[in-house]
Structure formats: C-alpha cells, structure tokens
Amino acid sequence: MDHFPLSLKPLAGKKALIVGVANDRSLAWAIAEHLHAAGCELAFTYMGDTLERRVRPLAESVSSKLILPMNAQSDAEMDSVFARVKSEWNGLDFLIHSIAFANREDLEGRFIDTNREGFLLSMDVSAYSLVALSKRAEPLMEGREAAIITLSYIGATRVVQNYNVMGVAKATLEATVRYLANDLGPKKIRVNAISAGPVKTLAAAGIRNFRDMLSKSEEKVPLRENIEQSDVGALAAFLCGPGGKHITGTTMMVDSGAHMMGI
C-alpha cells in the first residue's frame, strides 16, 4: 500500500507508536498502513505470545524496527516502551490508541447486571489506558505539532444492544479525549477520537449478533454501504497531517451517516 510518491509523502520523517493491532483486519493496522504510506516511521506494541505472532510479521512488512511487548495495565511495561521510543527516536509525533476490553458476559443481558470487577476492568483497559499512555507521550511530543488518536463507537452516545459496559467505557473515552485535548493543547498536541461504523474486526466478533447488526446497518445508512477499515486509516492520516492542524478535542464519525439517523 503506497498512495504517495516519495516526493509527496506528507508525513515523511514523522514517528508513530501504534498500540492495539490484533491482526491485518484491525482498524489500528489500517491506520498504520496509511501512516506508513504517507512516509511515517512506525513502532508497534503487542500483548502476549499469540498477538506477537500476528503483529510482528505485519510490523516487519512496513519496516518497523520497534516491536515491543506491552500490557496497558502495567505501568512498568508502559514505562519500558516509552523509554525505548525515547532512546531510539528521541521524540514522538503520533500515538494511535486502539485498545479496549470487556468480559464477554458483560456484553450480554442487562447492563445493570455488570459487576464491579467487570466495570472497572473495562474502564481501565478501554479508557484509563489513553490517559496513561498520553502522559508518557507528552514529554516526547512537546513542540512537534503532535497528534493522539483513539477509536470510539456510536455506542458511546446511543444504546446499542449487546454493547453494554463497553458503551459506557467508550463514553468515558470520548470525555477523556476532550480533557486531554485541553491539557495538551498549549503544547500543540492534538487529541481526537474516530467513531467508526460497524466493520468486521476481531473486537467486533465479541458482540453477539454482530453479523445482523452489519447487514441492517448497510440497509439503513444514508450511503447504503458499510465502511471499510481503510476509511478509518485515511481519516487518521488526515488528522495526523496538515489538514488536522487545528482539529482537537473532537470525535469524528466515519459511519456512512449512521450517526445522524433516528434508527
């Protein structure tokens, strides 16, 4: 994937840390591909041996030299990743945050039945991790017109069946984006979320009846077609590039118009 000739790569010389690639259908991977095509040098994290086996070949395919283990619930592992980024790059331009988790049982039935442990786990992994990573990225991003991007979903603002605690976590994530944007704005660090329409990913497989959701969405959205991973990648590259210079603290929708419909 290479959209730009060498002389027209708008992100040439920029550095990006990609957190949350699960496989080649991940939204994080689509973002990585677009950033790479625009000239950006990439680093990746993974959690555990299984994900390493998926992530490492993808990272190597875009010539990444930094492929690092990281559990976003571990302060020590996050510290280690950013120490390596500082050592190798001495700065960071973009942070892509694409991690979220909820226990499967907390995505079914009634939201009111979510237990304390499941609620806190979802908040920690899906929302607080953005705070923790941004805090570590801040000193590496200062003065670079940098950007932080996370991924949300319409379940943050609307009730979506079988989304439950993850919808509440995404609502927290979107509020977190606004507060981080305010904190980091004076240092010219932009923070935004992309809210994508339904698309086949490993995370989506955890939502019961997701295939039905996908087909119904295609029938009812204004454009009469669902999005693809590459749509999210293209928007992220725009936000990281010159066109996104004065966009911060917002959640941008890429969902074929689903968010405006009363359905």
Protein backbone atom coordinates (compact mmCIF):
# COMPACT_ATOMS: atom_id res chain seq x y z
CA MET A 1 0.00 0.00 0.00
CA ASP A 2 1.71 3.19 -1.15
CA HIS A 3 -0.52 6.13 -2.06
CA PHE A 4 2.17 8.79 -2.33
CA PRO A 5 5.31 9.16 -4.47
CA LEU A 6 8.41 9.74 -2.33
CA SER A 7 8.44 13.47 -3.06
CA LEU A 8 4.83 13.86 -1.88
CA LYS A 9 4.81 11.94 1.39
CA PRO A 10 3.28 14.46 3.82
CA LEU A 11 4.39 12.59 6.96
CA ALA A 12 7.97 11.83 5.90
CA GLY A 13 10.29 11.85 8.90
CA LYS A 14 7.43 11.57 11.41
CA LYS A 15 7.32 8.85 14.10
CA ALA A 16 4.20 6.99 15.27
CA LEU A 17 3.56 4.47 18.03
CA ILE A 18 0.69 2.09 17.19
CA VAL A 19 -0.98 0.43 20.18
CA GLY A 20 -3.65 -2.19 19.60
CA VAL A 21 -3.05 -4.07 16.34
CA ALA A 22 -4.64 -7.53 16.66
CA ASN A 23 -4.40 -8.75 13.06
CA ASP A 24 -4.49 -7.48 9.49
CA ARG A 25 -8.18 -6.56 9.80
CA SER A 26 -7.65 -4.30 12.79
CA LEU A 27 -8.54 -0.64 12.49
CA ALA A 28 -5.17 0.07 14.09
CA TRP A 29 -3.47 -1.79 11.25
CA ALA A 30 -5.42 0.18 8.64
CA ILE A 31 -4.20 3.36 10.32
CA ALA A 32 -0.64 2.03 10.38
CA GLU A 33 -0.79 1.27 6.65
CA HIS A 34 -1.95 4.79 5.81
CA LEU A 35 0.64 6.44 8.03
CA HIS A 36 3.37 4.28 6.51
CA ALA A 37 2.19 5.14 3.00
CA ALA A 38 2.43 8.83 3.91
CA GLY A 39 6.07 8.38 4.93
CA CYS A 40 5.76 7.81 8.69
CA GLU A 41 8.12 5.52 10.62
CA LEU A 42 6.21 3.15 12.89
CA ALA A 43 6.61 1.34 16.19
CA PHE A 44 4.21 -1.31 17.46
CA THR A 45 3.25 -2.90 20.75
CA TYR A 46 1.69 -6.29 21.41
CA MET A 47 0.49 -8.19 24.45
CA GLY A 48 1.43 -11.85 24.82
CA ASP A 49 2.85 -14.51 22.53
CA THR A 50 -0.31 -15.03 20.48
CA LEU A 51 -0.56 -11.39 19.49
CA GLU A 52 3.17 -11.17 18.88
CA ARG A 53 2.85 -13.90 16.25
CA ARG A 54 0.22 -11.79 14.48
CA VAL A 55 1.73 -8.34 14.98
CA ARG A 56 5.41 -8.97 14.29
CA PRO A 57 5.04 -10.02 10.61
CA LEU A 58 2.76 -7.04 9.95
CA ALA A 59 5.18 -4.64 11.63
CA GLU A 60 8.11 -6.08 9.72
CA SER A 61 6.19 -5.66 6.45
CA VAL A 62 6.33 -1.89 6.99
CA SER A 63 9.98 -1.99 8.06
CA SER A 64 9.30 -1.35 11.74
CA LYS A 65 12.34 -1.72 13.98
CA LEU A 66 10.47 -1.22 17.26
CA ILE A 67 8.10 -4.11 18.07
CA LEU A 68 7.64 -4.13 21.82
CA PRO A 69 5.67 -6.07 24.45
CA MET A 70 3.22 -4.01 26.47
CA ASN A 71 0.28 -4.65 28.75
CA ALA A 72 -1.61 -1.37 29.14
CA GLN A 73 -2.47 -2.32 32.72
CA SER A 74 1.22 -2.43 33.61
CA ASP A 75 2.92 0.88 34.44
CA ALA A 76 6.32 -0.81 34.24
CA GLU A 77 5.71 -2.13 30.72
CA MET A 78 4.40 1.23 29.52
CA ASP A 79 7.45 2.94 31.02
CA SER A 80 9.69 0.46 29.21
CA VAL A 81 8.04 1.11 25.83
CA PHE A 82 8.38 4.88 26.08
CA ALA A 83 11.95 4.59 27.30
CA ARG A 84 12.75 2.63 24.12
CA VAL A 85 10.91 5.15 21.95
CA LYS A 86 12.90 7.97 23.55
CA SER A 87 16.16 6.07 23.16
CA GLU A 88 15.59 5.16 19.51
CA TRP A 89 13.75 8.24 18.26
CA ASN A 90 14.23 10.97 20.88
CA GLY A 91 10.68 12.13 20.17
CA LEU A 92 7.23 11.02 19.05
CA ASP A 93 4.79 12.62 16.63
CA PHE A 94 1.74 10.36 16.75
CA LEU A 95 0.19 7.96 19.25
CA ILE A 96 -2.54 5.64 17.98
CA HIS A 97 -4.59 4.12 20.82
CA SER A 98 -6.77 1.19 19.76
CA ILE A 99 -7.23 -0.97 22.84
CA ALA A 100 -10.44 -1.90 24.63
CA PHE A 101 -11.69 -4.86 26.60
CA ALA A 102 -14.76 -6.11 28.44
CA ASN A 103 -15.62 -9.55 29.71
CA ARG A 104 -17.90 -11.34 27.25
CA GLU A 105 -20.58 -11.83 29.91
CA ASP A 106 -20.68 -8.06 30.43
CA LEU A 107 -21.61 -7.52 26.78
CA GLU A 108 -24.81 -9.58 27.03
CA GLY A 109 -28.01 -9.37 29.03
CA ARG A 110 -28.72 -6.22 31.01
CA PHE A 111 -26.15 -3.51 31.66
CA ILE A 112 -27.45 -3.20 35.21
CA ASP A 113 -26.07 -6.66 35.96
CA THR A 114 -22.46 -5.62 35.30
CA ASN A 115 -20.39 -6.43 38.36
CA ARG A 116 -17.85 -4.07 39.90
CA GLU A 117 -14.85 -6.08 38.72
CA GLY A 118 -16.03 -6.17 35.11
CA PHE A 119 -16.92 -2.48 35.12
CA LEU A 120 -13.54 -1.39 36.48
CA LEU A 121 -11.66 -3.72 34.11
CA SER A 122 -13.40 -2.25 31.08
CA MET A 123 -12.73 1.31 32.24
CA ASP A 124 -9.08 0.62 32.99
CA VAL A 125 -8.23 -1.03 29.68
CA SER A 126 -10.56 0.93 27.40
CA ALA A 127 -10.35 4.47 28.81
CA TYR A 128 -7.72 4.99 31.50
CA SER A 129 -5.08 3.46 29.25
CA LEU A 130 -5.40 6.52 27.00
CA VAL A 131 -4.61 8.77 29.96
CA ALA A 132 -1.64 6.65 31.00
CA LEU A 133 -0.18 6.46 27.50
CA SER A 134 -0.76 10.16 26.79
CA LYS A 135 1.02 11.15 29.99
CA ARG A 136 4.08 9.18 28.90
CA ALA A 137 3.88 10.51 25.34
CA GLU A 138 3.59 14.17 26.37
CA PRO A 139 7.30 14.91 27.01
CA LEU A 140 8.23 13.20 23.72
CA MET A 141 5.63 15.13 21.73
CA GLU A 142 6.13 18.65 23.01
CA GLY A 143 6.91 21.17 20.27
CA ARG A 144 6.31 18.70 17.41
CA GLU A 145 2.67 19.56 16.48
CA ALA A 146 1.86 16.02 17.51
CA ALA A 147 -1.40 14.09 17.49
CA ILE A 148 -3.03 11.42 19.63
CA ILE A 149 -5.88 9.40 18.11
CA THR A 150 -8.15 6.86 19.76
CA LEU A 151 -11.05 4.77 18.47
CA SER A 152 -14.62 5.00 19.68
CA TYR A 153 -18.07 3.81 18.56
CA ILE A 154 -21.60 5.21 18.46
CA GLY A 155 -22.40 3.06 21.50
CA ALA A 156 -20.73 5.86 23.48
CA THR A 157 -23.74 8.13 22.85
CA ARG A 158 -26.54 5.72 21.89
CA VAL A 159 -27.72 2.49 23.49
CA VAL A 160 -26.53 -0.41 21.32
CA GLN A 161 -27.76 -3.88 22.10
CA ASN A 162 -25.05 -6.25 23.38
CA TYR A 163 -22.57 -3.38 23.84
CA ASN A 164 -23.43 -2.56 27.45
CA VAL A 165 -20.40 -1.74 29.62
CA MET A 166 -18.27 -1.10 26.55
CA GLY A 167 -20.61 1.73 25.57
CA VAL A 168 -20.09 3.33 28.98
CA ALA A 169 -16.33 2.85 28.62
CA LYS A 170 -16.39 4.49 25.19
CA ALA A 171 -18.40 7.41 26.58
CA THR A 172 -15.67 7.81 29.20
CA LEU A 173 -13.06 7.57 26.45
CA GLU A 174 -14.68 10.39 24.46
CA ALA A 175 -14.82 12.63 27.54
CA THR A 176 -11.19 11.74 28.21
CA VAL A 177 -10.31 12.97 24.71
CA ARG A 178 -11.79 16.38 25.48
CA TYR A 179 -9.99 16.79 28.78
CA LEU A 180 -6.68 15.60 27.35
CA ALA A 181 -7.08 17.97 24.41
CA ASN A 182 -7.48 20.85 26.84
CA ASP A 183 -4.44 19.82 28.89
CA LEU A 184 -2.15 19.17 25.95
CA GLY A 185 -3.31 21.90 23.57
CA PRO A 186 -0.85 24.54 24.86
CA LYS A 187 1.95 22.17 23.82
CA LYS A 188 0.43 21.87 20.31
CA ILE A 189 -0.55 18.24 20.92
CA ARG A 190 -3.93 17.41 19.38
CA VAL A 191 -6.21 14.68 20.76
CA ASN A 192 -9.14 13.25 18.80
CA ALA A 193 -11.29 10.16 18.55
CA ILE A 194 -12.59 8.41 15.45
CA SER A 195 -16.00 6.79 15.82
CA ALA A 196 -16.25 4.09 13.17
CA GLY A 197 -19.34 2.37 11.87
CA PRO A 198 -19.64 -1.41 12.21
CA VAL A 199 -16.83 -3.26 10.47
CA LYS A 200 -15.52 -6.80 10.74
CA THR A 201 -12.69 -6.87 13.27
CA LEU A 202 -11.54 -9.26 15.99
CA ALA A 203 -13.09 -6.97 18.61
CA ALA A 204 -16.44 -6.92 16.81
CA ALA A 205 -16.53 -10.72 16.91
CA GLY A 206 -17.14 -10.44 20.66
CA ILE A 207 -20.51 -8.70 20.11
CA ARG A 208 -23.41 -11.14 19.87
CA ASN A 209 -25.45 -10.89 16.63
CA PHE A 210 -22.83 -8.62 15.09
CA ARG A 211 -23.49 -10.02 11.59
CA ASP A 212 -27.13 -8.96 11.86
CA MET A 213 -26.03 -5.51 13.00
CA LEU A 214 -23.74 -5.26 9.99
CA SER A 215 -26.40 -6.20 7.45
CA LYS A 216 -29.08 -3.95 8.98
CA SER A 217 -26.66 -1.04 9.05
CA GLU A 218 -25.95 -1.39 5.34
CA GLU A 219 -29.68 -1.26 4.58
CA LYS A 220 -30.42 1.85 6.64
CA VAL A 221 -27.44 4.22 6.49
CA PRO A 222 -27.72 7.11 4.01
CA LEU A 223 -24.89 5.86 1.80
CA ARG A 224 -26.35 2.32 1.77
CA GLU A 225 -22.96 0.74 2.37
CA ASN A 226 -20.84 -0.06 5.38
CA ILE A 227 -17.39 1.35 5.90
CA GLU A 228 -14.11 -0.48 5.40
CA GLN A 229 -11.03 -0.45 7.61
CA SER A 230 -9.23 1.75 5.08
CA ASP A 231 -11.77 4.55 5.64
CA VAL A 232 -10.61 4.80 9.25
CA GLY A 233 -6.98 4.70 8.16
CA ALA A 234 -7.50 7.53 5.71
CA LEU A 235 -9.22 9.72 8.30
CA ALA A 236 -6.48 9.08 10.85
CA ALA A 237 -3.81 10.05 8.32
CA PHE A 238 -5.72 13.25 7.60
CA LEU A 239 -5.91 14.10 11.31
CA CYS A 240 -2.18 13.50 11.69
CA GLY A 241 -1.36 15.57 8.63
CA PRO A 242 -1.55 19.28 7.79
CA GLY A 243 -5.32 19.15 7.36
CA GLY A 244 -5.78 18.24 11.00
CA LYS A 245 -3.58 21.03 12.36
CA HIS A 246 -6.43 22.82 14.13
CA ILE A 247 -8.70 19.88 14.91
CA THR A 248 -8.63 18.72 18.52
CA GLY A 249 -10.95 17.51 21.27
CA THR A 250 -13.48 16.05 18.87
CA THR A 251 -14.97 12.70 17.92
CA MET A 252 -15.14 12.37 14.14
CA MET A 253 -17.68 9.98 12.65
CA VAL A 254 -16.89 7.68 9.74
CA ASP A 255 -20.04 5.56 9.55
CA SER A 256 -21.77 6.28 6.20
CA GLY A 257 -24.05 8.71 8.03
CA ALA A 258 -25.46 6.32 10.65
CA HIS A 259 -24.97 8.79 13.49
CA MET A 260 -27.49 11.28 12.10
CA MET A 261 -30.31 8.79 11.60
CA GLY A 262 -33.15 8.25 14.07
CA ILE A 263 -32.78 4.46 13.97
